[in-house]
Amino acid sequence: MRGYTRELIESMGVVVTNSCRADLKLGGVDIEVKIAERSILNPKRCKGYQFCLRRNGHTEFDADFLVCLCCPDGLEVTDAYVIPRSGVDHKKKLVIPTENYHGKWEIYHDAWGLILEHPDVEWTSR
């Protein structure tokens, strides 16, 4: 799915390269891409998406932005959440209950503009 995100951002006229700190790099901006399939989140059988951001023994989340891709069947992306690092600092996981979500993370739904407006993004042309 990193390829999906890369192609989408490149289609907006941004130079995308590989990053040592994260999955993708846009000039001076690092992007971490996470994908989750729909699953049962709790004993009440609530369905949704759970994104793991930090685990013991693994590299800490250190990107400028987190892109969470919701993939109900594991094949097709239905929703994307573009969240700045400040929005997920100190979180171990991020949970989005359903595709029709209207809660805390809703403001980041398809918020690609947050990345595109960053002053360190490198454009192919403007």
C-alpha atoms as a PDB file:
ATOM      1  CA  MET A   1       0.000   0.000   0.000  1.00  0.00           C
ATOM      2  CA  ARG A   2       3.038   2.240   0.224  1.00  0.00           C
ATOM      3  CA  GLY A   3       2.887   2.157  -3.604  1.00  0.00           C
ATOM      4  CA  TYR A   4      -0.748   3.339  -3.519  1.00  0.00           C
ATOM      5  CA  THR A   5       0.186   6.326  -1.353  1.00  0.00           C
ATOM      6  CA  ARG A   6       3.280   7.110  -3.409  1.00  0.00           C
ATOM      7  CA  GLU A   7       1.328   7.117  -6.695  1.00  0.00           C
ATOM      8  CA  LEU A   8      -1.446   9.245  -5.210  1.00  0.00           C
ATOM      9  CA  ILE A   9       0.990  11.887  -3.894  1.00  0.00           C
ATOM     10  CA  GLU A  10       3.052  11.881  -7.111  1.00  0.00           C
ATOM     11  CA  SER A  11      -0.146  12.514  -9.085  1.00  0.00           C
ATOM     12  CA  MET A  12      -0.494  15.758  -7.084  1.00  0.00           C
ATOM     13  CA  GLY A  13       2.848  16.978  -8.491  1.00  0.00           C
ATOM     14  CA  VAL A  14       5.084  16.174  -5.515  1.00  0.00           C
ATOM     15  CA  VAL A  15       8.523  14.515  -5.685  1.00  0.00           C
ATOM     16  CA  VAL A  16       8.411  11.264  -3.635  1.00  0.00           C
ATOM     17  CA  THR A  17      11.520   9.284  -2.643  1.00  0.00           C
ATOM     18  CA  ASN A  18      12.344   6.561  -0.120  1.00  0.00           C
ATOM     19  CA  SER A  19      13.093   7.598   3.465  1.00  0.00           C
ATOM     20  CA  CYS A  20      15.454   6.171   6.085  1.00  0.00           C
ATOM     21  CA  ARG A  21      13.166   7.352   8.934  1.00  0.00           C
ATOM     22  CA  ALA A  22       9.813   6.361   7.457  1.00  0.00           C
ATOM     23  CA  ASP A  23       8.180   4.835   4.367  1.00  0.00           C
ATOM     24  CA  LEU A  24       8.248   7.863   2.054  1.00  0.00           C
ATOM     25  CA  LYS A  25       9.992  11.227   1.818  1.00  0.00           C
ATOM     26  CA  LEU A  26       8.659  14.368   0.135  1.00  0.00           C
ATOM     27  CA  GLY A  27      11.589  16.781   0.144  1.00  0.00           C
ATOM     28  CA  GLY A  28      12.154  17.309   3.888  1.00  0.00           C
ATOM     29  CA  VAL A  29       8.894  15.653   4.988  1.00  0.00           C
ATOM     30  CA  ASP A  30       8.790  12.008   6.153  1.00  0.00           C
ATOM     31  CA  ILE A  31       5.583   9.967   5.780  1.00  0.00           C
ATOM     32  CA  GLU A  32       4.781   6.719   7.621  1.00  0.00           C
ATOM     33  CA  VAL A  33       2.106   4.587   5.921  1.00  0.00           C
ATOM     34  CA  LYS A  34      -0.001   2.115   7.933  1.00  0.00           C
ATOM     35  CA  ILE A  35      -2.739  -0.158   6.648  1.00  0.00           C
ATOM     36  CA  ALA A  36      -5.435  -2.032   8.549  1.00  0.00           C
ATOM     37  CA  GLU A  37      -8.145  -4.459   7.546  1.00  0.00           C
ATOM     38  CA  ARG A  38     -11.551  -4.237   9.180  1.00  0.00           C
ATOM     39  CA  SER A  39     -11.687  -6.400  12.291  1.00  0.00           C
ATOM     40  CA  ILE A  40     -13.583  -6.820  15.545  1.00  0.00           C
ATOM     41  CA  LEU A  41     -12.216  -4.271  18.010  1.00  0.00           C
ATOM     42  CA  ASN A  42     -13.805  -5.229  21.338  1.00  0.00           C
ATOM     43  CA  PRO A  43     -16.036  -7.758  23.117  1.00  0.00           C
ATOM     44  CA  LYS A  44     -19.161  -5.831  22.019  1.00  0.00           C
ATOM     45  CA  ARG A  45     -18.209  -6.897  18.478  1.00  0.00           C
ATOM     46  CA  CYS A  46     -17.658  -3.329  17.275  1.00  0.00           C
ATOM     47  CA  LYS A  47     -15.933  -3.435  13.877  1.00  0.00           C
ATOM     48  CA  GLY A  48     -13.288  -1.028  12.686  1.00  0.00           C
ATOM     49  CA  TYR A  49      -9.605  -0.448  12.058  1.00  0.00           C
ATOM     50  CA  GLN A  50      -6.679  -0.581  14.465  1.00  0.00           C
ATOM     51  CA  PHE A  51      -3.272   0.853  13.537  1.00  0.00           C
ATOM     52  CA  CYS A  52      -0.243  -0.093  15.647  1.00  0.00           C
ATOM     53  CA  LEU A  53       2.122   2.884  16.026  1.00  0.00           C
ATOM     54  CA  ARG A  54       4.601   1.654  18.659  1.00  0.00           C
ATOM     55  CA  ARG A  55       5.665  -1.747  19.949  1.00  0.00           C
ATOM     56  CA  ASN A  56       8.362  -2.772  22.386  1.00  0.00           C
ATOM     57  CA  GLY A  57      11.550  -3.702  20.571  1.00  0.00           C
ATOM     58  CA  HIS A  58      10.559  -1.882  17.381  1.00  0.00           C
ATOM     59  CA  THR A  59      11.561   1.471  15.936  1.00  0.00           C
ATOM     60  CA  GLU A  60       9.652   4.418  17.384  1.00  0.00           C
ATOM     61  CA  PHE A  61       7.261   6.376  15.153  1.00  0.00           C
ATOM     62  CA  ASP A  62       9.376   9.316  13.982  1.00  0.00           C
ATOM     63  CA  ALA A  63       7.745  10.620  10.780  1.00  0.00           C
ATOM     64  CA  ASP A  64       6.255  14.058  10.205  1.00  0.00           C
ATOM     65  CA  PHE A  65       2.929  12.561   9.076  1.00  0.00           C
ATOM     66  CA  LEU A  66       1.069   9.297   9.519  1.00  0.00           C
ATOM     67  CA  VAL A  67      -1.123   8.018   6.675  1.00  0.00           C
ATOM     68  CA  CYS A  68      -3.626   5.393   7.869  1.00  0.00           C
ATOM     69  CA  LEU A  69      -5.267   3.429   5.060  1.00  0.00           C
ATOM     70  CA  CYS A  70      -8.531   1.615   5.820  1.00  0.00           C
ATOM     71  CA  CYS A  71      -8.832  -1.519   3.735  1.00  0.00           C
ATOM     72  CA  PRO A  72     -11.996  -3.504   4.607  1.00  0.00           C
ATOM     73  CA  ASP A  73     -11.103  -6.594   2.574  1.00  0.00           C
ATOM     74  CA  GLY A  74      -7.319  -6.172   2.543  1.00  0.00           C
ATOM     75  CA  LEU A  75      -7.342  -5.304  -1.150  1.00  0.00           C
ATOM     76  CA  GLU A  76      -8.945  -1.915  -1.735  1.00  0.00           C
ATOM     77  CA  VAL A  77      -8.446   1.320   0.180  1.00  0.00           C
ATOM     78  CA  THR A  78     -11.771   2.924   1.106  1.00  0.00           C
ATOM     79  CA  ASP A  79     -10.598   5.678   3.465  1.00  0.00           C
ATOM     80  CA  ALA A  80      -7.359   7.472   4.281  1.00  0.00           C
ATOM     81  CA  TYR A  81      -6.501   9.511   7.364  1.00  0.00           C
ATOM     82  CA  VAL A  82      -3.555  11.931   7.081  1.00  0.00           C
ATOM     83  CA  ILE A  83      -2.425  12.876  10.593  1.00  0.00           C
ATOM     84  CA  PRO A  84       0.478  15.123  11.628  1.00  0.00           C
ATOM     85  CA  ARG A  85       2.925  13.707  14.199  1.00  0.00           C
ATOM     86  CA  SER A  86       1.607  16.095  16.854  1.00  0.00           C
ATOM     87  CA  GLY A  87      -1.781  14.367  16.580  1.00  0.00           C
ATOM     88  CA  VAL A  88      -0.404  10.938  17.454  1.00  0.00           C
ATOM     89  CA  ASP A  89       2.539  11.700  19.761  1.00  0.00           C
ATOM     90  CA  HIS A  90       2.720   9.225  22.666  1.00  0.00           C
ATOM     91  CA  LYS A  91      -0.021   6.960  21.233  1.00  0.00           C
ATOM     92  CA  LYS A  92       0.660   3.240  20.896  1.00  0.00           C
ATOM     93  CA  LYS A  93      -2.271   2.616  18.589  1.00  0.00           C
ATOM     94  CA  LEU A  94      -4.957   4.462  16.713  1.00  0.00           C
ATOM     95  CA  VAL A  95      -8.483   3.034  16.441  1.00  0.00           C
ATOM     96  CA  ILE A  96     -11.106   4.098  13.901  1.00  0.00           C
ATOM     97  CA  PRO A  97     -14.405   2.292  14.600  1.00  0.00           C
ATOM     98  CA  THR A  98     -16.107   2.127  11.162  1.00  0.00           C
ATOM     99  CA  GLU A  99     -16.045   3.413   7.591  1.00  0.00           C
ATOM    100  CA  ASN A 100     -18.723   6.007   8.484  1.00  0.00           C
ATOM    101  CA  TYR A 101     -16.668   7.395  11.327  1.00  0.00           C
ATOM    102  CA  HIS A 102     -17.514  10.840  12.775  1.00  0.00           C
ATOM    103  CA  GLY A 103     -15.229  11.220  15.782  1.00  0.00           C
ATOM    104  CA  LYS A 104     -11.869  12.546  16.917  1.00  0.00           C
ATOM    105  CA  TRP A 105      -9.932  11.584  13.773  1.00  0.00           C
ATOM    106  CA  GLU A 106     -12.585  12.756  11.273  1.00  0.00           C
ATOM    107  CA  ILE A 107     -10.788  16.083  10.685  1.00  0.00           C
ATOM    108  CA  TYR A 108      -7.884  14.091   9.191  1.00  0.00           C
ATOM    109  CA  HIS A 109     -10.036  12.107   6.737  1.00  0.00           C
ATOM    110  CA  ASP A 110      -8.447  12.566   3.274  1.00  0.00           C
ATOM    111  CA  ALA A 111      -6.522  15.566   4.660  1.00  0.00           C
ATOM    112  CA  TRP A 112      -3.785  15.361   1.995  1.00  0.00           C
ATOM    113  CA  GLY A 113      -3.645  19.161   2.033  1.00  0.00           C
ATOM    114  CA  LEU A 114      -1.856  19.021   5.402  1.00  0.00           C
ATOM    115  CA  ILE A 115       1.115  17.373   3.687  1.00  0.00           C
ATOM    116  CA  LEU A 116       0.918  19.471   0.528  1.00  0.00           C
ATOM    117  CA  GLU A 117       0.921  22.729   2.521  1.00  0.00           C
ATOM    118  CA  HIS A 118       4.071  21.789   4.473  1.00  0.00           C
ATOM    119  CA  PRO A 119       6.900  24.219   3.540  1.00  0.00           C
ATOM    120  CA  ASP A 120       9.489  21.416   3.144  1.00  0.00           C
ATOM    121  CA  VAL A 121       7.572  19.480   0.454  1.00  0.00           C
ATOM    122  CA  GLU A 122       9.452  19.300  -2.856  1.00  0.00           C
ATOM    123  CA  TRP A 123       7.267  19.929  -5.928  1.00  0.00           C
ATOM    124  CA  THR A 124       7.941  18.663  -9.454  1.00  0.00           C
ATOM    125  CA  SER A 125       6.350  21.888 -10.763  1.00  0.00           C
ATOM    126  CA  ARG A 126       3.975  24.530  -9.550  1.00  0.00           C
END
